[in-house]
PDB file of N, CA and C in Angstrom:
ATOM      1  N   MET A   1      86.128  36.643 194.087  1.00  0.00           N
ATOM      2  CA  MET A   1      86.419  36.222 192.940  1.00  0.00           C
ATOM      3  C   MET A   1      86.026  37.280 191.763  1.00  0.00           C
ATOM      4  N   LYS A   2      84.872  37.741 192.036  1.00  0.00           N
ATOM      5  CA  LYS A   2      84.618  38.914 191.245  1.00  0.00           C
ATOM      6  C   LYS A   2      85.415  40.233 191.147  1.00  0.00           C
ATOM      7  N   TYR A   3      85.898  40.451 192.633  1.00  0.00           N
ATOM      8  CA  TYR A   3      86.696  41.619 192.688  1.00  0.00           C
ATOM      9  C   TYR A   3      88.059  41.282 192.039  1.00  0.00           C
ATOM     10  N   LYS A   4      88.715  40.091 191.971  1.00  0.00           N
ATOM     11  CA  LYS A   4      89.744  39.818 191.373  1.00  0.00           C
ATOM     12  C   LYS A   4      89.504  39.901 189.687  1.00  0.00           C
ATOM     13  N   LYS A   5      88.753  39.491 189.514  1.00  0.00           N
ATOM     14  CA  LYS A   5      88.618  39.540 187.836  1.00  0.00           C
ATOM     15  C   LYS A   5      88.336  41.132 187.545  1.00  0.00           C
ATOM     16  N   ILE A   6      87.727  41.748 188.457  1.00  0.00           N
ATOM     17  CA  ILE A   6      87.497  43.433 187.997  1.00  0.00           C
ATOM     18  C   ILE A   6      88.693  44.146 188.170  1.00  0.00           C
ATOM     19  N   ILE A   7      89.490  43.818 189.060  1.00  0.00           N
ATOM     20  CA  ILE A   7      90.905  44.377 189.487  1.00  0.00           C
ATOM     21  C   ILE A   7      91.781  44.130 188.357  1.00  0.00           C
ATOM     22  N   LEU A   8      91.584  42.860 187.872  1.00  0.00           N
ATOM     23  CA  LEU A   8      92.521  42.228 186.684  1.00  0.00           C
ATOM     24  C   LEU A   8      92.252  42.937 185.418  1.00  0.00           C
ATOM     25  N   VAL A   9      91.069  43.142 185.167  1.00  0.00           N
ATOM     26  CA  VAL A   9      90.422  43.774 183.881  1.00  0.00           C
ATOM     27  C   VAL A   9      90.994  45.176 184.038  1.00  0.00           C
ATOM     28  N   LEU A  10      90.759  45.891 185.125  1.00  0.00           N
ATOM     29  CA  LEU A  10      91.131  47.360 185.182  1.00  0.00           C
ATOM     30  C   LEU A  10      92.620  47.512 185.175  1.00  0.00           C
ATOM     31  N   THR A  11      93.341  46.610 185.784  1.00  0.00           N
ATOM     32  CA  THR A  11      95.018  46.484 185.565  1.00  0.00           C
ATOM     33  C   THR A  11      95.468  46.529 184.267  1.00  0.00           C
ATOM     34  N   LEU A  12      94.801  45.466 183.480  1.00  0.00           N
ATOM     35  CA  LEU A  12      95.357  45.440 182.082  1.00  0.00           C
ATOM     36  C   LEU A  12      94.865  46.510 181.228  1.00  0.00           C
ATOM     37  N   THR A  13      93.752  47.081 181.506  1.00  0.00           N
ATOM     38  CA  THR A  13      93.491  48.241 180.726  1.00  0.00           C
ATOM     39  C   THR A  13      94.320  49.426 181.216  1.00  0.00           C
ATOM     40  N   ALA A  14      94.650  49.623 182.373  1.00  0.00           N
ATOM     41  CA  ALA A  14      95.459  50.732 182.691  1.00  0.00           C
ATOM     42  C   ALA A  14      96.766  50.488 182.000  1.00  0.00           C
ATOM     43  N   ALA A  15      97.351  49.200 182.116  1.00  0.00           N
ATOM     44  CA  ALA A  15      98.535  49.171 181.535  1.00  0.00           C
ATOM     45  C   ALA A  15      98.821  49.288 180.060  1.00  0.00           C
ATOM     46  N   SER A  16      97.568  48.848 179.448  1.00  0.00           N
ATOM     47  CA  SER A  16      97.710  49.240 177.949  1.00  0.00           C
ATOM     48  C   SER A  16      97.613  50.553 177.587  1.00  0.00           C
ATOM     49  N   LEU A  17      96.930  51.395 178.428  1.00  0.00           N
ATOM     50  CA  LEU A  17      96.613  52.856 178.115  1.00  0.00           C
ATOM     51  C   LEU A  17      98.099  53.309 178.299  1.00  0.00           C
ATOM     52  N   PHE A  18      98.708  53.056 179.453  1.00  0.00           N
ATOM     53  CA  PHE A  18      99.908  53.667 179.703  1.00  0.00           C
ATOM     54  C   PHE A  18     101.095  53.417 178.761  1.00  0.00           C
ATOM     55  N   THR A  19     100.954  52.095 178.164  1.00  0.00           N
ATOM     56  CA  THR A  19     101.799  51.785 176.868  1.00  0.00           C
ATOM     57  C   THR A  19     101.504  52.537 175.996  1.00  0.00           C
ATOM     58  N   LEU A  20     100.388  52.600 175.461  1.00  0.00           N
ATOM     59  CA  LEU A  20      99.953  53.542 174.352  1.00  0.00           C
ATOM     60  C   LEU A  20     100.607  55.019 174.532  1.00  0.00           C
ATOM     61  N   GLN A  21     100.209  55.424 175.713  1.00  0.00           N
ATOM     62  CA  GLN A  21     100.511  56.925 175.917  1.00  0.00           C
ATOM     63  C   GLN A  21     102.141  56.937 175.881  1.00  0.00           C
ATOM     64  N   ALA A  22     102.924  56.070 176.331  1.00  0.00           N
ATOM     65  CA  ALA A  22     104.496  55.981 176.266  1.00  0.00           C
ATOM     66  C   ALA A  22     104.814  55.995 174.760  1.00  0.00           C
ATOM     67  N   PHE A  23     104.349  55.063 174.065  1.00  0.00           N
ATOM     68  CA  PHE A  23     104.588  55.042 172.670  1.00  0.00           C
ATOM     69  C   PHE A  23     104.255  56.393 171.829  1.00  0.00           C
ATOM     70  N   ALA A  24     103.055  56.978 172.119  1.00  0.00           N
ATOM     71  CA  ALA A  24     102.897  58.158 171.489  1.00  0.00           C
ATOM     72  C   ALA A  24     103.842  59.212 171.972  1.00  0.00           C
ATOM     73  N   GLN A  25     104.217  59.292 173.144  1.00  0.00           N
ATOM     74  CA  GLN A  25     105.327  60.300 173.424  1.00  0.00           C
ATOM     75  C   GLN A  25     106.545  60.151 172.953  1.00  0.00           C
ATOM     76  N   SER A  26     106.996  58.764 172.573  1.00  0.00           N
ATOM     77  CA  SER A  26     108.379  58.399 172.297  1.00  0.00           C
ATOM     78  C   SER A  26     108.628  58.919 170.785  1.00  0.00           C
ATOM     79  N   SER A  27     107.411  58.913 170.077  1.00  0.00           N
ATOM     80  CA  SER A  27     107.519  59.195 168.585  1.00  0.00           C
ATOM     81  C   SER A  27     107.668  60.768 168.571  1.00  0.00           C
ATOM     82  N   GLU A  28     109.015  61.367 168.611  1.00  0.00           N
ATOM     83  CA  GLU A  28     109.181  62.883 168.461  1.00  0.00           C
ATOM     84  C   GLU A  28     109.123  63.301 167.129  1.00  0.00           C
ATOM     85  N   VAL A  29     108.651  64.643 167.032  1.00  0.00           N
ATOM     86  CA  VAL A  29     108.746  65.251 165.779  1.00  0.00           C
ATOM     87  C   VAL A  29     110.392  65.692 165.439  1.00  0.00           C
ATOM     88  N   MET A  30     110.708  65.278 164.186  1.00  0.00           N
ATOM     89  CA  MET A  30     111.954  65.213 163.737  1.00  0.00           C
ATOM     90  C   MET A  30     112.610  66.818 163.887  1.00  0.00           C
ATOM     91  N   SER A  31     113.631  67.114 164.067  1.00  0.00           N
ATOM     92  CA  SER A  31     114.257  68.468 164.305  1.00  0.00           C
ATOM     93  C   SER A  31     114.628  68.818 162.960  1.00  0.00           C
ATOM     94  N   LYS A  32     114.901  70.164 163.050  1.00  0.00           N
ATOM     95  CA  LYS A  32     115.366  70.625 161.663  1.00  0.00           C
ATOM     96  C   LYS A  32     116.876  70.096 161.080  1.00  0.00           C
ATOM     97  N   GLY A  33     117.462  69.867 162.170  1.00  0.00           N
ATOM     98  CA  GLY A  33     118.913  69.036 161.955  1.00  0.00           C
ATOM     99  C   GLY A  33     118.703  67.740 161.333  1.00  0.00           C
ATOM    100  N   GLN A  34     117.788  67.116 161.940  1.00  0.00           N
ATOM    101  CA  GLN A  34     117.483  65.627 161.570  1.00  0.00           C
ATOM    102  C   GLN A  34     117.096  65.463 160.160  1.00  0.00           C
ATOM    103  N   TYR A  35     116.124  66.562 159.874  1.00  0.00           N
ATOM    104  CA  TYR A  35     115.568  66.567 158.495  1.00  0.00           C
ATOM    105  C   TYR A  35     116.518  66.972 157.454  1.00  0.00           C
ATOM    106  N   ASP A  36     117.367  68.081 157.633  1.00  0.00           N
ATOM    107  CA  ASP A  36     118.338  68.491 156.970  1.00  0.00           C
ATOM    108  C   ASP A  36     119.600  67.227 156.616  1.00  0.00           C
ATOM    109  N   SER A  37     119.755  66.643 157.610  1.00  0.00           N
ATOM    110  CA  SER A  37     120.823  65.266 157.593  1.00  0.00           C
ATOM    111  C   SER A  37     120.073  64.182 156.523  1.00  0.00           C
ATOM    112  N   ILE A  38     118.726  63.945 156.789  1.00  0.00           N
ATOM    113  CA  ILE A  38     118.049  63.142 155.899  1.00  0.00           C
ATOM    114  C   ILE A  38     118.161  63.685 154.428  1.00  0.00           C
ATOM    115  N   GLU A  39     117.822  64.763 154.425  1.00  0.00           N
ATOM    116  CA  GLU A  39     117.625  65.548 152.961  1.00  0.00           C
ATOM    117  C   GLU A  39     119.076  65.365 152.253  1.00  0.00           C
ATOM    118  N   SER A  40     119.982  65.797 153.019  1.00  0.00           N
ATOM    119  CA  SER A  40     121.286  65.897 152.501  1.00  0.00           C
ATOM    120  C   SER A  40     121.769  64.583 152.148  1.00  0.00           C
ATOM    121  N   SER A  41     121.460  63.435 152.927  1.00  0.00           N
ATOM    122  CA  SER A  41     121.778  61.907 152.608  1.00  0.00           C
ATOM    123  C   SER A  41     121.101  61.514 151.234  1.00  0.00           C
ATOM    124  N   GLN A  42     119.903  61.986 151.061  1.00  0.00           N
ATOM    125  CA  GLN A  42     118.962  61.727 149.968  1.00  0.00           C
ATOM    126  C   GLN A  42     119.588  62.405 148.631  1.00  0.00           C
ATOM    127  N   ALA A  43     120.045  63.568 148.858  1.00  0.00           N
ATOM    128  CA  ALA A  43     120.612  64.218 147.849  1.00  0.00           C
ATOM    129  C   ALA A  43     121.950  63.803 147.324  1.00  0.00           C
ATOM    130  N   GLU A  44     122.680  63.321 148.290  1.00  0.00           N
ATOM    131  CA  GLU A  44     124.082  62.569 148.006  1.00  0.00           C
ATOM    132  C   GLU A  44     123.688  61.307 147.249  1.00  0.00           C
ATOM    133  N   TYR A  45     122.764  60.542 147.698  1.00  0.00           N
ATOM    134  CA  TYR A  45     122.536  59.360 147.041  1.00  0.00           C
ATOM    135  C   TYR A  45     122.095  59.420 145.519  1.00  0.00           C
ATOM    136  N   LYS A  46     121.381  60.558 145.352  1.00  0.00           N
ATOM    137  CA  LYS A  46     120.842  60.890 144.008  1.00  0.00           C
ATOM    138  C   LYS A  46     121.871  61.331 143.146  1.00  0.00           C
ATOM    139  N   ARG A  47     122.838  62.108 143.721  1.00  0.00           N
ATOM    140  CA  ARG A  47     124.212  62.364 142.890  1.00  0.00           C
ATOM    141  C   ARG A  47     125.024  61.209 142.539  1.00  0.00           C
ATOM    142  N   ASP A  48     125.188  60.288 143.550  1.00  0.00           N
ATOM    143  CA  ASP A  48     125.800  59.007 143.399  1.00  0.00           C
ATOM    144  C   ASP A  48     125.158  58.463 142.054  1.00  0.00           C
ATOM    145  N   GLN A  49     123.837  58.325 142.201  1.00  0.00           N
ATOM    146  CA  GLN A  49     123.212  57.556 141.209  1.00  0.00           C
ATOM    147  C   GLN A  49     123.210  58.236 139.630  1.00  0.00           C
ATOM    148  N   VAL A  50     123.257  59.527 139.781  1.00  0.00           N
ATOM    149  CA  VAL A  50     123.438  60.215 138.600  1.00  0.00           C
ATOM    150  C   VAL A  50     124.823  59.988 137.957  1.00  0.00           C
ATOM    151  N   GLN A  51     125.843  60.179 138.945  1.00  0.00           N
ATOM    152  CA  GLN A  51     127.303  60.031 138.545  1.00  0.00           C
ATOM    153  C   GLN A  51     127.700  58.503 137.897  1.00  0.00           C
ATOM    154  N   THR A  52     126.854  57.679 138.644  1.00  0.00           N
ATOM    155  CA  THR A  52     127.100  56.198 138.205  1.00  0.00           C
ATOM    156  C   THR A  52     126.377  55.950 136.911  1.00  0.00           C
ATOM    157  N   GLN A  53     125.189  56.555 136.506  1.00  0.00           N
ATOM    158  CA  GLN A  53     124.727  56.561 135.252  1.00  0.00           C
ATOM    159  C   GLN A  53     125.491  57.266 134.447  1.00  0.00           C
ATOM    160  N   LYS A  54     126.048  58.401 134.613  1.00  0.00           N
ATOM    161  CA  LYS A  54     127.020  59.046 133.692  1.00  0.00           C
ATOM    162  C   LYS A  54     128.312  58.176 133.285  1.00  0.00           C
ATOM    163  N   ASP A  55     128.732  57.561 134.332  1.00  0.00           N
ATOM    164  CA  ASP A  55     130.058  56.725 134.077  1.00  0.00           C
ATOM    165  C   ASP A  55     129.535  55.642 133.420  1.00  0.00           C
ATOM    166  N   LYS A  56     128.572  54.924 133.317  1.00  0.00           N
ATOM    167  CA  LYS A  56     127.851  53.871 132.616  1.00  0.00           C
ATOM    168  C   LYS A  56     127.768  54.399 131.216  1.00  0.00           C
ATOM    169  N   ASN A  57     127.117  55.514 131.060  1.00  0.00           N
ATOM    170  CA  ASN A  57     126.909  55.958 129.703  1.00  0.00           C
ATOM    171  C   ASN A  57     128.239  56.304 128.918  1.00  0.00           C
ATOM    172  N   ALA A  58     129.095  56.854 129.745  1.00  0.00           N
ATOM    173  CA  ALA A  58     130.493  56.966 128.953  1.00  0.00           C
ATOM    174  C   ALA A  58     131.153  55.959 128.613  1.00  0.00           C
ATOM    175  N   GLU A  59     130.914  54.673 129.503  1.00  0.00           N
ATOM    176  CA  GLU A  59     131.636  53.368 129.156  1.00  0.00           C
ATOM    177  C   GLU A  59     130.998  52.882 127.961  1.00  0.00           C
ATOM    178  N   ALA A  60     129.594  52.972 127.913  1.00  0.00           N
ATOM    179  CA  ALA A  60     128.842  52.379 126.625  1.00  0.00           C
ATOM    180  C   ALA A  60     129.369  53.171 125.621  1.00  0.00           C
ATOM    181  N   MET A  61     129.493  54.479 125.620  1.00  0.00           N
ATOM    182  CA  MET A  61     129.910  55.238 124.340  1.00  0.00           C
ATOM    183  C   MET A  61     131.354  54.863 124.016  1.00  0.00           C
ATOM    184  N   SER A  62     132.157  54.705 124.851  1.00  0.00           N
ATOM    185  CA  SER A  62     133.514  54.337 124.785  1.00  0.00           C
ATOM    186  C   SER A  62     133.602  52.829 123.812  1.00  0.00           C
ATOM    187  N   ASP A  63     132.643  52.054 124.540  1.00  0.00           N
ATOM    188  CA  ASP A  63     132.750  50.643 123.745  1.00  0.00           C
ATOM    189  C   ASP A  63     132.130  50.775 122.506  1.00  0.00           C
ATOM    190  N   ALA A  64     131.098  51.691 122.226  1.00  0.00           N
ATOM    191  CA  ALA A  64     130.569  51.562 120.932  1.00  0.00           C
ATOM    192  C   ALA A  64     131.484  52.355 119.904  1.00  0.00           C
ATOM    193  N   LYS A  65     132.369  53.255 120.315  1.00  0.00           N
ATOM    194  CA  LYS A  65     133.439  53.844 119.599  1.00  0.00           C
ATOM    195  C   LYS A  65     134.464  52.744 119.242  1.00  0.00           C
ATOM    196  N   ALA A  66     134.779  51.953 120.029  1.00  0.00           N
ATOM    197  CA  ALA A  66     135.901  50.960 119.985  1.00  0.00           C
ATOM    198  C   ALA A  66     135.166  49.918 119.047  1.00  0.00           C
ATOM    199  N   ASP A  67     133.942  49.602 119.182  1.00  0.00           N
ATOM    200  CA  ASP A  67     133.474  48.574 118.179  1.00  0.00           C
ATOM    201  C   ASP A  67     133.212  49.309 116.632  1.00  0.00           C
ATOM    202  N   ARG A  68     132.932  50.567 116.656  1.00  0.00           N
ATOM    203  CA  ARG A  68     133.006  51.153 115.542  1.00  0.00           C
ATOM    204  C   ARG A  68     134.208  51.277 114.866  1.00  0.00           C
ATOM    205  N   SER A  69     135.215  51.343 115.508  1.00  0.00           N
ATOM    206  CA  SER A  69     136.775  51.602 114.975  1.00  0.00           C
ATOM    207  C   SER A  69     137.005  49.910 114.297  1.00  0.00           C
ATOM    208  N   ASP A  70     136.837  49.000 115.261  1.00  0.00           N
ATOM    209  CA  ASP A  70     136.945  47.707 114.843  1.00  0.00           C
ATOM    210  C   ASP A  70     136.314  47.366 113.634  1.00  0.00           C
ATOM    211  N   THR A  71     135.067  47.789 113.414  1.00  0.00           N
ATOM    212  CA  THR A  71     134.357  47.362 112.353  1.00  0.00           C
ATOM    213  C   THR A  71     134.816  48.046 111.118  1.00  0.00           C
ATOM    214  N   LYS A  72     135.244  49.295 111.343  1.00  0.00           N
ATOM    215  CA  LYS A  72     135.926  49.998 110.130  1.00  0.00           C
ATOM    216  C   LYS A  72     137.235  49.225 109.498  1.00  0.00           C
ATOM    217  N   ALA A  73     137.966  48.942 110.540  1.00  0.00           N
ATOM    218  CA  ALA A  73     139.207  48.221 110.284  1.00  0.00           C
ATOM    219  C   ALA A  73     138.945  46.757 109.590  1.00  0.00           C
ATOM    220  N   LYS A  74     137.922  46.205 110.133  1.00  0.00           N
ATOM    221  CA  LYS A  74     137.476  45.033 109.602  1.00  0.00           C
ATOM    222  C   LYS A  74     137.133  45.142 108.028  1.00  0.00           C
ATOM    223  N   ALA A  75     136.219  46.121 107.772  1.00  0.00           N
ATOM    224  CA  ALA A  75     135.683  46.471 106.372  1.00  0.00           C
ATOM    225  C   ALA A  75     136.791  46.872 105.475  1.00  0.00           C
ATOM    226  N   LYS A  76     137.730  47.656 106.013  1.00  0.00           N
ATOM    227  CA  LYS A  76     139.081  47.877 105.312  1.00  0.00           C
ATOM    228  C   LYS A  76     139.877  46.888 104.867  1.00  0.00           C
ATOM    229  N   GLU A  77     139.986  45.873 105.889  1.00  0.00           N
ATOM    230  CA  GLU A  77     140.655  44.515 105.600  1.00  0.00           C
ATOM    231  C   GLU A  77     139.826  43.811 104.350  1.00  0.00           C
ATOM    232  N   SER A  78     138.672  43.710 104.729  1.00  0.00           N
ATOM    233  CA  SER A  78     137.652  42.916 103.746  1.00  0.00           C
ATOM    234  C   SER A  78     137.695  43.453 102.389  1.00  0.00           C
ATOM    235  N   ALA A  79     137.701  44.855 102.095  1.00  0.00           N
ATOM    236  CA  ALA A  79     137.854  45.444 101.113  1.00  0.00           C
ATOM    237  C   ALA A  79     139.208  45.101 100.310  1.00  0.00           C
ATOM    238  N   ARG A  80     140.310  45.066 100.953  1.00  0.00           N
ATOM    239  CA  ARG A  80     141.776  44.872 100.531  1.00  0.00           C
ATOM    240  C   ARG A  80     141.676  43.414  99.906  1.00  0.00           C
ATOM    241  N   ILE A  81     141.111  42.521 100.776  1.00  0.00           N
ATOM    242  CA  ILE A  81     140.931  40.970 100.471  1.00  0.00           C
ATOM    243  C   ILE A  81     140.332  40.859  99.101  1.00  0.00           C
ATOM    244  N   ASP A  82     139.105  41.765  99.006  1.00  0.00           N
ATOM    245  CA  ASP A  82     138.128  41.446  97.823  1.00  0.00           C
ATOM    246  C   ASP A  82     138.915  41.900  96.611  1.00  0.00           C
ATOM    247  N   GLU A  83     139.657  43.136  96.736  1.00  0.00           N
ATOM    248  CA  GLU A  83     140.252  43.749  95.583  1.00  0.00           C
ATOM    249  C   GLU A  83     141.358  42.628  95.319  1.00  0.00           C
ATOM    250  N   GLU A  84     142.244  42.032  96.217  1.00  0.00           N
ATOM    251  CA  GLU A  84     143.365  40.885  95.868  1.00  0.00           C
ATOM    252  C   GLU A  84     142.482  39.895  94.986  1.00  0.00           C
ATOM    253  N   ALA A  85     141.376  39.430  95.586  1.00  0.00           N
ATOM    254  CA  ALA A  85     140.777  38.188  95.093  1.00  0.00           C
ATOM    255  C   ALA A  85     140.255  38.690  93.539  1.00  0.00           C
ATOM    256  N   GLN A  86     139.958  39.959  93.187  1.00  0.00           N
ATOM    257  CA  GLN A  86     139.593  40.240  91.963  1.00  0.00           C
ATOM    258  C   GLN A  86     140.752  40.517  91.231  1.00  0.00           C
ATOM    259  N   ASP A  87     141.903  40.956  91.679  1.00  0.00           N
ATOM    260  CA  ASP A  87     143.119  40.832  90.811  1.00  0.00           C
ATOM    261  C   ASP A  87     143.585  39.326  90.480  1.00  0.00           C
ATOM    262  N   ALA A  88     143.544  38.517  91.348  1.00  0.00           N
ATOM    263  CA  ALA A  88     143.884  37.225  91.130  1.00  0.00           C
ATOM    264  C   ALA A  88     143.236  36.516  90.106  1.00  0.00           C
ATOM    265  N   ALA A  89     141.733  36.917  90.176  1.00  0.00           N
ATOM    266  CA  ALA A  89     140.727  36.333  89.101  1.00  0.00           C
ATOM    267  C   ALA A  89     141.230  36.719  87.720  1.00  0.00           C
ATOM    268  N   LYS A  90     141.480  38.247  87.775  1.00  0.00           N
ATOM    269  CA  LYS A  90     141.723  38.620  86.516  1.00  0.00           C
ATOM    270  C   LYS A  90     143.203  38.171  85.810  1.00  0.00           C
ATOM    271  N   GLN A  91     144.031  37.935  86.830  1.00  0.00           N
ATOM    272  CA  GLN A  91     145.301  37.426  86.186  1.00  0.00           C
ATOM    273  C   GLN A  91     145.234  35.957  85.788  1.00  0.00           C
ATOM    274  N   SER A  92     144.157  35.318  86.508  1.00  0.00           N
ATOM    275  CA  SER A  92     144.003  33.874  86.205  1.00  0.00           C
ATOM    276  C   SER A  92     143.302  33.873  84.800  1.00  0.00           C
ATOM    277  N   LYS A  93     142.361  34.727  84.570  1.00  0.00           N
ATOM    278  CA  LYS A  93     141.632  34.786  83.247  1.00  0.00           C
ATOM    279  C   LYS A  93     142.598  35.115  82.131  1.00  0.00           C
ATOM    280  N   ASN A  94     143.423  36.012  82.357  1.00  0.00           N
ATOM    281  CA  ASN A  94     144.493  36.586  81.384  1.00  0.00           C
ATOM    282  C   ASN A  94     145.516  35.368  81.067  1.00  0.00           C
ATOM    283  N   ALA A  95     145.841  34.444  82.127  1.00  0.00           N
ATOM    284  CA  ALA A  95     146.685  33.397  81.908  1.00  0.00           C
ATOM    285  C   ALA A  95     146.011  32.395  81.087  1.00  0.00           C
ATOM    286  N   LEU A  96     144.701  32.126  81.404  1.00  0.00           N
ATOM    287  CA  LEU A  96     144.029  31.132  80.655  1.00  0.00           C
ATOM    288  C   LEU A  96     143.782  31.515  79.174  1.00  0.00           C
ATOM    289  N   LYS A  97     143.644  32.966  78.910  1.00  0.00           N
ATOM    290  CA  LYS A  97     143.639  33.339  77.544  1.00  0.00           C
ATOM    291  C   LYS A  97     145.030  33.199  76.914  1.00  0.00           C
ATOM    292  N   ALA A  98     146.104  33.417  77.518  1.00  0.00           N
ATOM    293  CA  ALA A  98     147.383  33.482  76.997  1.00  0.00           C
ATOM    294  C   ALA A  98     147.635  31.942  76.593  1.00  0.00           C
ATOM    295  N   GLU A  99     147.324  31.009  77.543  1.00  0.00           N
ATOM    296  CA  GLU A  99     147.486  29.584  77.349  1.00  0.00           C
ATOM    297  C   GLU A  99     146.757  28.952  76.166  1.00  0.00           C
ATOM    298  N   LYS A 100     145.283  29.457  76.006  1.00  0.00           N
ATOM    299  CA  LYS A 100     144.586  28.996  74.915  1.00  0.00           C
ATOM    300  C   LYS A 100     145.282  29.596  73.539  1.00  0.00           C
ATOM    301  N   LYS A 101     145.849  30.774  73.662  1.00  0.00           N
ATOM    302  CA  LYS A 101     146.472  31.360  72.450  1.00  0.00           C
ATOM    303  C   LYS A 101     147.725  30.618  72.039  1.00  0.00           C
ATOM    304  N   ALA A 102     148.617  30.307  73.024  1.00  0.00           N
ATOM    305  CA  ALA A 102     149.810  29.450  72.889  1.00  0.00           C
ATOM    306  C   ALA A 102     149.454  28.219  72.215  1.00  0.00           C
ATOM    307  N   GLN A 103     148.386  27.472  72.944  1.00  0.00           N
ATOM    308  CA  GLN A 103     147.942  26.099  72.187  1.00  0.00           C
ATOM    309  C   GLN A 103     147.517  26.171  70.780  1.00  0.00           C
ATOM    310  N   LYS A 104     146.702  27.211  70.577  1.00  0.00           N
ATOM    311  CA  LYS A 104     146.309  27.652  69.041  1.00  0.00           C
ATOM    312  C   LYS A 104     147.439  27.774  68.149  1.00  0.00           C
ATOM    313  N   LEU A 105     148.402  28.739  68.448  1.00  0.00           N
ATOM    314  CA  LEU A 105     149.669  28.925  67.804  1.00  0.00           C
ATOM    315  C   LEU A 105     150.394  27.668  67.716  1.00  0.00           C
ATOM    316  N   ARG A 106     150.662  26.674  68.826  1.00  0.00           N
ATOM    317  CA  ARG A 106     151.454  25.468  68.713  1.00  0.00           C
ATOM    318  C   ARG A 106     150.758  24.460  67.608  1.00  0.00           C
ATOM    319  N   LYS A 107     149.354  24.535  67.712  1.00  0.00           N
ATOM    320  CA  LYS A 107     148.683  23.688  66.931  1.00  0.00           C
ATOM    321  C   LYS A 107     148.835  24.213  65.250  1.00  0.00           C
ATOM    322  N   LYS A 108     148.949  25.318  65.102  1.00  0.00           N
ATOM    323  CA  LYS A 108     149.137  25.938  63.586  1.00  0.00           C
ATOM    324  C   LYS A 108     150.438  25.807  63.366  1.00  0.00           C
ATOM    325  N   ALA A 109     151.433  25.927  64.217  1.00  0.00           N
ATOM    326  CA  ALA A 109     152.774  25.679  63.675  1.00  0.00           C
ATOM    327  C   ALA A 109     152.954  24.152  63.582  1.00  0.00           C
ATOM    328  N   ASP A 110     152.360  23.384  64.148  1.00  0.00           N
ATOM    329  CA  ASP A 110     152.256  21.768  64.117  1.00  0.00           C
ATOM    330  C   ASP A 110     151.874  21.541  62.583  1.00  0.00           C
ATOM    331  N   GLN A 111     150.670  22.176  62.313  1.00  0.00           N
ATOM    332  CA  GLN A 111     150.131  22.034  60.968  1.00  0.00           C
ATOM    333  C   GLN A 111     151.017  22.609  59.990  1.00  0.00           C
ATOM    334  N   GLN A 112     151.756  23.589  59.976  1.00  0.00           N
ATOM    335  CA  GLN A 112     152.503  24.223  59.004  1.00  0.00           C
ATOM    336  C   GLN A 112     153.670  23.271  58.687  1.00  0.00           C
ATOM    337  N   ALA A 113     154.090  22.844  60.055  1.00  0.00           N
ATOM    338  CA  ALA A 113     155.314  21.830  59.886  1.00  0.00           C
ATOM    339  C   ALA A 113     155.008  20.647  58.890  1.00  0.00           C
ATOM    340  N   ASP A 114     153.783  20.059  59.301  1.00  0.00           N
ATOM    341  CA  ASP A 114     153.220  18.984  58.698  1.00  0.00           C
ATOM    342  C   ASP A 114     153.044  19.303  57.012  1.00  0.00           C
ATOM    343  N   LYS A 115     152.563  20.327  56.821  1.00  0.00           N
ATOM    344  CA  LYS A 115     152.583  20.878  55.471  1.00  0.00           C
ATOM    345  C   LYS A 115     153.955  21.013  54.742  1.00  0.00           C
ATOM    346  N   ALA A 116     154.752  21.641  55.482  1.00  0.00           N
ATOM    347  CA  ALA A 116     156.088  21.803  55.020  1.00  0.00           C
ATOM    348  C   ALA A 116     156.746  20.462  54.661  1.00  0.00           C
ATOM    349  N   GLU A 117     156.525  19.237  55.736  1.00  0.00           N
ATOM    350  CA  GLU A 117     157.192  17.967  55.357  1.00  0.00           C
ATOM    351  C   GLU A 117     156.622  17.458  54.200  1.00  0.00           C
ATOM    352  N   LYS A 118     155.236  17.470  54.179  1.00  0.00           N
ATOM    353  CA  LYS A 118     154.577  16.959  52.850  1.00  0.00           C
ATOM    354  C   LYS A 118     155.164  17.562  51.703  1.00  0.00           C
ATOM    355  N   ALA A 119     155.448  18.761  51.651  1.00  0.00           N
ATOM    356  CA  ALA A 119     155.942  19.513  50.641  1.00  0.00           C
ATOM    357  C   ALA A 119     157.105  19.139  50.228  1.00  0.00           C
ATOM    358  N   ARG A 120     157.986  18.966  51.337  1.00  0.00           N
ATOM    359  CA  ARG A 120     159.514  18.325  51.078  1.00  0.00           C
ATOM    360  C   ARG A 120     159.554  17.195  50.409  1.00  0.00           C
ATOM    361  N   GLU A 121     158.554  16.252  51.044  1.00  0.00           N
ATOM    362  CA  GLU A 121     158.497  14.858  50.396  1.00  0.00           C
ATOM    363  C   GLU A 121     157.945  14.758  48.937  1.00  0.00           C
ATOM    364  N   LYS A 122     157.072  15.720  48.683  1.00  0.00           N
ATOM    365  CA  LYS A 122     156.689  15.686  47.152  1.00  0.00           C
ATOM    366  C   LYS A 122     157.794  16.303  46.301  1.00  0.00           C
ATOM    367  N   SER A 123     158.645  17.249  46.857  1.00  0.00           N
ATOM    368  CA  SER A 123     159.466  17.900  46.086  1.00  0.00           C
ATOM    369  C   SER A 123     160.718  16.784  45.959  1.00  0.00           C
ATOM    370  N   ASP A 124     161.057  15.932  46.943  1.00  0.00           N
ATOM    371  CA  ASP A 124     162.065  14.889  47.009  1.00  0.00           C
ATOM    372  C   ASP A 124     161.571  13.921  45.876  1.00  0.00           C
ATOM    373  N   LEU A 125     160.471  13.517  45.631  1.00  0.00           N
ATOM    374  CA  LEU A 125     159.834  12.640  44.834  1.00  0.00           C
ATOM    375  C   LEU A 125     160.150  12.963  43.381  1.00  0.00           C
ATOM    376  N   ASN A 126     160.093  14.335  43.127  1.00  0.00           N
ATOM    377  CA  ASN A 126     159.911  14.762  41.818  1.00  0.00           C
ATOM    378  C   ASN A 126     161.319  15.135  41.164  1.00  0.00           C
TER     379      ASN A 126
END
């Protein structure tokens, strides 16, 4: 029994040592070709990232220019509407003045007509 345990322990130890040695040998040092391939892949990835960022920036700039153009057009339209509103207010004010003046003149004409009628009646009585 003791021999079996000793043999079992020795077998397990040897197996683990062989396994470790096999794993240690399997991890080879990268060749220059593999290193260059990885490096070129990384460089290409970075170029793609830079190009993507440039595209995003160009799109954002284009959107900003379009928004600016829209804002200018809206401001111009707003100024035109404001000018039209001011003109309409001025016309309304002038129309109100003209109406007040016309009412005043009609009232004065009515008063003169009344005076003339009274004068006619007086002269008819004489």
